[in-house]
Amino acid sequence: MLYANQSLINVTAGQMFQGILERVMLSTLTTLPCCVFLFVNGVMLFTLRSKTVFRETSRYILLFNLLFADTVQMALSQLLYLLAACRIGLTYPVCGVLIMLADLTNDISPLTLVVMSLERYVAVCYPLRHSAIITIRNTAVAIIVVWIFSSLNILTRVLLLLDFPFEDQESLQMKDYCAKISMFLDPMSEHYDKAYTYFVFVSAGVAVTSSYIGVMIAARSASTDKASARKSRNTLLLHLVQLGLSLVSTMHNSMLIALSRIVPRLVFVRSATVFYVCIFIFPRCLSSLIYGIRDHTIRPVLMYHLCCRLKLSVVSAKVSC
C-alpha cells in the first residue's frame, strides 16, 4: 500500500455513506457558486485587458496575474472535487498533471501578493522614484521570476515522484480519488511539501507585514499623501488576509485528516464540503471583490461589462421563449 493511502482511508470510507442524491446535491451546491465566481473572475480578467490604462499600469498587470492564477486554481479544484464526488478513478500520470497544475497556480498567488505589496510600499515611501522603479519592464520581470520560481518547485516535485518504483505496481490506476495527498508516494515528498509551504508563507508573511509597517511609518510623515498612504495601508491589510486564507488552503488536507478522526463519517463528509467552499472557492474570488468594489478605476468598467452580459442573457432568454 502506498504511503499516503493509509491517511486517506477515513476520507474515502466517509464517501461510502453518501447516497447518490446527497452527492448530487453537494456537487450542485459547490458547482453553482464556483461557476458564478468563475464568471465574475472571467469578466474581471476581460476588464483588465479592455483598457489601455489597465494594460500599462503595473499594479493592474500584477492583479491580472493574481486573478489568472486564482481562476485556474478554482477551476482545477472544482474539477478534482467533481471527479472525487462522482468516484471517477484516474491514473497516476493524469492525476499528477492535474495536481501539479493546481500546485503551480496555487504557488503563484502568495508570491504575486508579495510583489503587489512591495509595489504599494514603493508608491507610498518613495513616490518620486515610483515611476522609475515600478516600470512595465520590471513588472514583467517580476512576474516571470514568480512563474519560474513556482515552476522549479513543480519540477522538484516531479523529480521526487520519478524516484518512486511505479514499475513494481500492478497498475497505474489509482485506488483512491485524485488529491494532492494521494501524490505523496513516499515520506520525502511530504517532507518537501511541508518545508516549501512553510518557507513560502513565512517569507511572504514577513514581506507583506514589513511593507505594511513601512507604510504605517510613512503615513506619519508630514510629506506623505495621507489619503494615498491610508488607502495603501488598507490594501496591504487585505493582502495579509488573502495570504492568510491561502495559507489555510494549504492546510486543508491536514485539517481533513484530523477531522476524520474525531467526528462521525457522515458529519465529516458534509463538513469537508463546507471547508472546500470556504477555503478553496471563496478566497479565489476575493481579489475580484476587493478590487472590483474598492478601485474607482476598475469599478465602473467592471460593472459595465457585468451589466451588459446580464442584459444579453435576459434578451437571449426572451428570444428563446
Protein backbone atom coordinates (compact mmCIF):
# COMPACT_ATOMS: atom_id res chain seq x y z
CA MET A 1 0.00 0.00 0.00
CA LEU A 2 1.25 3.46 -0.86
CA TYR A 3 2.47 5.79 1.86
CA ALA A 4 -0.45 8.23 1.59
CA ASN A 5 -3.23 5.65 1.24
CA GLN A 6 -3.44 4.90 4.96
CA SER A 7 -4.17 8.57 5.70
CA LEU A 8 -6.99 8.53 3.15
CA ILE A 9 -8.84 5.50 4.50
CA ASN A 10 -11.15 7.53 6.73
CA VAL A 11 -11.69 10.10 3.97
CA THR A 12 -12.71 7.62 1.28
CA ALA A 13 -14.72 5.48 3.71
CA GLY A 14 -16.86 8.51 4.53
CA GLN A 15 -17.93 8.75 0.92
CA MET A 16 -19.34 5.22 1.06
CA PHE A 17 -22.10 6.52 3.32
CA GLN A 18 -23.24 9.15 0.85
CA GLY A 19 -26.27 8.38 -1.25
CA ILE A 20 -26.43 9.39 -4.87
CA LEU A 21 -28.95 12.13 -4.12
CA GLU A 22 -26.81 13.68 -1.43
CA ARG A 23 -23.72 13.59 -3.64
CA VAL A 24 -25.64 15.30 -6.43
CA MET A 25 -26.90 17.97 -4.04
CA LEU A 26 -23.46 18.65 -2.58
CA SER A 27 -21.90 18.75 -6.04
CA THR A 28 -24.57 21.21 -7.16
CA LEU A 29 -24.08 23.40 -4.09
CA THR A 30 -20.36 23.66 -4.82
CA THR A 31 -20.60 23.94 -8.60
CA LEU A 32 -23.11 26.80 -8.67
CA PRO A 33 -21.07 29.29 -6.60
CA CYS A 34 -17.92 28.14 -8.37
CA CYS A 35 -19.49 28.90 -11.77
CA VAL A 36 -20.67 32.31 -10.53
CA PHE A 37 -17.20 33.19 -9.23
CA LEU A 38 -15.55 31.89 -12.40
CA PHE A 39 -17.86 34.14 -14.40
CA VAL A 40 -17.03 37.18 -12.24
CA ASN A 41 -13.31 36.43 -12.41
CA GLY A 42 -13.56 35.95 -16.17
CA VAL A 43 -15.27 39.32 -16.61
CA MET A 44 -12.67 40.90 -14.32
CA LEU A 45 -9.85 39.44 -16.42
CA PHE A 46 -11.53 40.74 -19.57
CA THR A 47 -11.95 44.15 -17.92
CA LEU A 48 -8.23 44.31 -17.10
CA ARG A 49 -7.41 43.76 -20.78
CA SER A 50 -10.09 46.08 -22.17
CA LYS A 51 -8.46 49.45 -21.41
CA THR A 52 -5.00 50.80 -22.11
CA VAL A 53 -4.71 52.19 -18.57
CA PHE A 54 -5.05 48.67 -17.16
CA ARG A 55 -2.58 47.15 -19.62
CA GLU A 56 0.04 49.81 -18.94
CA THR A 57 -0.21 50.14 -15.16
CA SER A 58 1.97 47.83 -13.08
CA ARG A 59 -0.46 47.14 -10.24
CA TYR A 60 -3.21 46.19 -12.69
CA ILE A 61 -0.82 43.89 -14.56
CA LEU A 62 0.04 42.22 -11.25
CA LEU A 63 -3.65 41.98 -10.41
CA PHE A 64 -4.29 40.26 -13.75
CA ASN A 65 -1.58 37.71 -12.94
CA LEU A 66 -3.09 37.07 -9.49
CA LEU A 67 -6.62 36.72 -10.87
CA PHE A 68 -5.48 34.41 -13.66
CA ALA A 69 -3.76 32.07 -11.19
CA ASP A 70 -6.74 32.12 -8.81
CA THR A 71 -9.21 31.43 -11.64
CA VAL A 72 -7.25 28.45 -12.97
CA GLN A 73 -6.79 27.14 -9.42
CA MET A 74 -10.53 27.41 -8.72
CA ALA A 75 -11.44 25.61 -11.96
CA LEU A 76 -8.97 22.78 -11.29
CA SER A 77 -10.13 22.43 -7.66
CA GLN A 78 -13.75 22.12 -8.78
CA LEU A 79 -12.80 19.57 -11.43
CA LEU A 80 -10.97 17.45 -8.85
CA TYR A 81 -13.90 17.79 -6.44
CA LEU A 82 -16.40 16.59 -9.05
CA LEU A 83 -14.16 13.67 -10.02
CA ALA A 84 -13.99 12.63 -6.37
CA ALA A 85 -17.74 13.12 -5.84
CA CYS A 86 -18.52 11.01 -8.92
CA ARG A 87 -15.95 8.42 -7.80
CA ILE A 88 -14.10 8.59 -11.09
CA GLY A 89 -10.71 6.96 -10.79
CA LEU A 90 -7.70 8.34 -12.63
CA THR A 91 -4.27 7.00 -13.44
CA TYR A 92 -1.27 8.37 -11.58
CA PRO A 93 0.11 10.28 -14.62
CA VAL A 94 -3.23 12.05 -15.30
CA CYS A 95 -3.76 12.85 -11.63
CA GLY A 96 -0.16 14.01 -11.34
CA VAL A 97 -0.58 16.50 -14.19
CA LEU A 98 -3.76 17.96 -12.65
CA ILE A 99 -2.23 18.20 -9.19
CA MET A 100 0.97 19.81 -10.49
CA LEU A 101 -1.01 22.42 -12.44
CA ALA A 102 -3.08 23.15 -9.33
CA ASP A 103 0.09 23.44 -7.23
CA LEU A 104 1.68 25.75 -9.78
CA THR A 105 -1.22 28.22 -9.77
CA ASN A 106 -1.58 27.90 -6.00
CA ASP A 107 2.06 28.96 -5.56
CA ILE A 108 1.62 31.96 -7.86
CA SER A 109 -0.92 33.68 -5.58
CA PRO A 110 1.20 34.32 -2.44
CA LEU A 111 4.26 35.29 -4.49
CA THR A 112 2.23 37.76 -6.55
CA LEU A 113 0.77 39.22 -3.36
CA VAL A 114 4.34 39.87 -2.18
CA VAL A 115 5.18 41.76 -5.38
CA MET A 116 1.92 43.75 -5.16
CA SER A 117 2.70 44.65 -1.54
CA LEU A 118 6.20 45.84 -2.45
CA GLU A 119 4.71 47.95 -5.24
CA ARG A 120 2.39 49.68 -2.75
CA TYR A 121 5.32 50.18 -0.36
CA VAL A 122 7.37 51.91 -3.07
CA ALA A 123 4.37 54.02 -4.11
CA VAL A 124 3.98 55.42 -0.57
CA CYS A 125 7.54 55.52 0.75
CA TYR A 126 9.31 56.52 -2.47
CA PRO A 127 6.66 58.38 -4.51
CA LEU A 128 9.20 60.39 -6.52
CA ARG A 129 11.05 57.23 -7.62
CA HIS A 130 7.97 55.06 -8.08
CA SER A 131 7.69 55.60 -11.84
CA ALA A 132 11.40 54.80 -12.26
CA ILE A 133 11.37 51.65 -10.10
CA ILE A 134 7.95 50.20 -10.92
CA THR A 135 8.11 50.12 -14.70
CA ILE A 136 6.27 47.81 -17.11
CA ARG A 137 9.56 46.05 -17.85
CA ASN A 138 10.40 45.50 -14.17
CA THR A 139 6.86 44.29 -13.52
CA ALA A 140 7.15 41.77 -16.37
CA VAL A 141 10.48 40.57 -14.99
CA ALA A 142 8.94 40.15 -11.51
CA ILE A 143 6.05 38.09 -12.93
CA ILE A 144 8.47 35.91 -14.93
CA VAL A 145 10.56 35.32 -11.79
CA VAL A 146 7.41 34.32 -9.87
CA TRP A 147 6.43 31.78 -12.53
CA ILE A 148 9.98 30.40 -12.83
CA PHE A 149 10.28 30.00 -9.04
CA SER A 150 6.93 28.19 -8.90
CA SER A 151 7.87 26.03 -11.89
CA LEU A 152 11.13 24.98 -10.21
CA ASN A 153 9.08 23.83 -7.23
CA ILE A 154 6.89 21.72 -9.52
CA LEU A 155 9.98 20.30 -11.25
CA THR A 156 11.37 19.27 -7.87
CA ARG A 157 8.10 17.51 -7.00
CA VAL A 158 8.17 15.66 -10.33
CA LEU A 159 11.74 14.50 -9.73
CA LEU A 160 10.73 13.19 -6.30
CA LEU A 161 7.85 11.28 -7.90
CA LEU A 162 10.15 9.74 -10.52
CA ASP A 163 12.13 8.07 -7.73
CA PHE A 164 9.06 6.04 -6.77
CA PRO A 165 9.16 2.47 -8.19
CA PHE A 166 5.99 2.60 -10.32
CA GLU A 167 7.15 -0.48 -12.23
CA ASP A 168 6.56 -2.54 -9.08
CA GLN A 169 2.88 -1.59 -9.06
CA GLU A 170 0.33 -3.93 -10.64
CA SER A 171 -1.37 -1.00 -12.34
CA LEU A 172 -1.05 2.77 -12.66
CA GLN A 173 -4.76 3.09 -11.86
CA MET A 174 -5.31 4.94 -8.58
CA LYS A 175 -7.23 3.19 -5.82
CA ASP A 176 -8.25 6.47 -4.19
CA TYR A 177 -9.60 9.69 -5.59
CA CYS A 178 -7.19 12.20 -7.10
CA ALA A 179 -5.93 14.62 -4.45
CA LYS A 180 -2.66 16.24 -3.52
CA ILE A 181 -2.14 13.90 -0.59
CA SER A 182 -2.53 10.93 -2.96
CA MET A 183 0.64 12.04 -4.72
CA PHE A 184 2.72 11.82 -1.52
CA LEU A 185 4.04 8.42 -2.51
CA ASP A 186 6.90 8.46 -0.04
CA PRO A 187 7.84 10.39 3.12
CA MET A 188 10.31 12.61 1.23
CA SER A 189 7.54 14.12 -0.92
CA GLU A 190 5.50 15.04 2.12
CA HIS A 191 8.51 16.48 3.98
CA TYR A 192 9.46 18.58 0.96
CA ASP A 193 5.89 19.87 0.58
CA LYS A 194 5.77 20.96 4.22
CA ALA A 195 9.20 22.61 4.09
CA TYR A 196 8.40 24.51 0.88
CA THR A 197 5.00 25.63 2.17
CA TYR A 198 6.45 26.90 5.44
CA PHE A 199 9.27 28.70 3.62
CA VAL A 200 6.99 30.44 1.11
CA PHE A 201 4.38 31.59 3.57
CA VAL A 202 6.80 32.68 6.28
CA SER A 203 8.79 34.65 3.69
CA ALA A 204 5.63 36.10 2.13
CA GLY A 205 4.19 36.94 5.54
CA VAL A 206 7.36 38.76 6.58
CA ALA A 207 7.48 40.70 3.28
CA VAL A 208 3.82 41.79 3.38
CA THR A 209 3.94 42.62 7.10
CA SER A 210 7.15 44.63 6.65
CA SER A 211 5.55 46.56 3.79
CA TYR A 212 2.51 47.26 5.96
CA ILE A 213 4.68 48.53 8.83
CA GLY A 214 6.71 50.66 6.41
CA VAL A 215 3.56 52.26 5.02
CA MET A 216 2.24 52.94 8.54
CA ILE A 217 5.50 54.67 9.48
CA ALA A 218 5.49 56.67 6.25
CA ALA A 219 1.87 57.72 6.85
CA ARG A 220 3.01 59.68 9.93
CA SER A 221 5.41 61.74 7.87
CA ALA A 222 4.27 65.26 7.07
CA SER A 223 5.46 64.94 3.45
CA THR A 224 3.35 61.87 2.72
CA ASP A 225 -0.02 61.99 0.99
CA LYS A 226 -2.29 60.92 3.86
CA ALA A 227 -5.12 59.67 1.64
CA SER A 228 -2.79 57.61 -0.54
CA ALA A 229 -1.00 56.17 2.50
CA ARG A 230 -4.26 55.22 4.17
CA LYS A 231 -5.56 53.53 1.02
CA SER A 232 -2.29 51.63 0.53
CA ARG A 233 -2.31 50.58 4.20
CA ASN A 234 -5.83 49.15 3.84
CA THR A 235 -4.82 47.38 0.63
CA LEU A 236 -1.83 45.78 2.35
CA LEU A 237 -4.04 44.69 5.22
CA LEU A 238 -6.32 42.97 2.71
CA HIS A 239 -3.26 41.32 1.16
CA LEU A 240 -2.42 39.92 4.60
CA VAL A 241 -5.95 38.49 4.84
CA GLN A 242 -5.60 36.96 1.37
CA LEU A 243 -2.25 35.47 2.33
CA GLY A 244 -3.75 34.01 5.49
CA LEU A 245 -6.60 32.41 3.52
CA SER A 246 -4.08 30.95 1.06
CA LEU A 247 -2.13 29.52 3.99
CA VAL A 248 -5.29 27.91 5.37
CA SER A 249 -5.94 26.31 1.97
CA THR A 250 -2.52 24.61 2.09
CA MET A 251 -3.50 23.11 5.47
CA HIS A 252 -6.75 21.73 4.02
CA ASN A 253 -5.62 18.10 3.78
CA SER A 254 -4.18 18.06 7.29
CA MET A 255 -7.41 19.55 8.66
CA LEU A 256 -9.50 16.91 6.90
CA ILE A 257 -7.37 14.04 8.20
CA ALA A 258 -7.59 15.39 11.77
CA LEU A 259 -11.35 15.96 11.44
CA SER A 260 -11.97 12.45 10.10
CA ARG A 261 -10.60 11.00 13.37
CA ILE A 262 -12.93 12.86 15.74
CA VAL A 263 -16.34 13.12 14.02
CA PRO A 264 -18.77 10.58 12.52
CA ARG A 265 -18.24 9.81 8.87
CA LEU A 266 -21.41 11.44 7.56
CA VAL A 267 -20.65 14.60 9.51
CA PHE A 268 -17.12 14.55 8.17
CA VAL A 269 -18.20 14.33 4.51
CA ARG A 270 -20.62 17.23 4.88
CA SER A 271 -18.09 19.30 6.83
CA ALA A 272 -15.48 18.65 4.16
CA THR A 273 -17.80 20.19 1.57
CA VAL A 274 -18.26 23.30 3.72
CA PHE A 275 -14.48 23.56 4.20
CA TYR A 276 -13.98 23.25 0.45
CA VAL A 277 -16.35 26.13 -0.33
CA CYS A 278 -14.96 28.38 2.42
CA ILE A 279 -11.27 27.57 1.97
CA PHE A 280 -10.90 26.96 -1.76
CA ILE A 281 -13.75 28.67 -3.64
CA PHE A 282 -14.40 31.88 -1.69
CA PRO A 283 -10.75 33.07 -1.35
CA ARG A 284 -10.26 32.68 -5.12
CA CYS A 285 -12.86 35.34 -5.86
CA LEU A 286 -11.69 37.70 -3.10
CA SER A 287 -9.39 39.68 -5.39
CA SER A 288 -12.25 40.41 -7.80
CA LEU A 289 -14.48 41.54 -4.96
CA ILE A 290 -11.77 43.68 -3.33
CA TYR A 291 -10.59 45.49 -6.43
CA GLY A 292 -13.93 45.45 -8.24
CA ILE A 293 -15.55 47.34 -5.35
CA ARG A 294 -12.70 49.42 -3.91
CA ASP A 295 -10.85 50.56 -7.03
CA HIS A 296 -12.60 53.58 -8.58
CA THR A 297 -10.91 52.99 -11.94
CA ILE A 298 -11.92 49.34 -12.26
CA ARG A 299 -15.40 49.53 -10.72
CA PRO A 300 -17.30 51.43 -13.49
CA VAL A 301 -15.70 49.36 -16.26
CA LEU A 302 -16.35 46.08 -14.41
CA MET A 303 -19.99 46.99 -13.72
CA TYR A 304 -20.45 47.97 -17.36
CA HIS A 305 -19.22 44.59 -18.60
CA LEU A 306 -21.18 42.67 -15.95
CA CYS A 307 -24.42 44.53 -16.69
CA CYS A 308 -24.03 44.17 -20.44
CA ARG A 309 -23.63 40.44 -20.13
CA LEU A 310 -26.59 40.17 -17.79
CA LYS A 311 -28.75 42.15 -20.22
CA LEU A 312 -27.61 39.96 -23.11
CA SER A 313 -28.53 36.85 -21.10
CA VAL A 314 -32.01 38.21 -20.39
CA VAL A 315 -32.56 39.15 -24.04
CA SER A 316 -31.41 35.72 -25.20
CA ALA A 317 -33.78 34.05 -22.73
CA LYS A 318 -36.72 36.13 -24.02
CA VAL A 319 -35.87 35.32 -27.64
CA SER A 320 -35.72 31.62 -26.82
CA CYS A 321 -39.16 31.82 -25.24
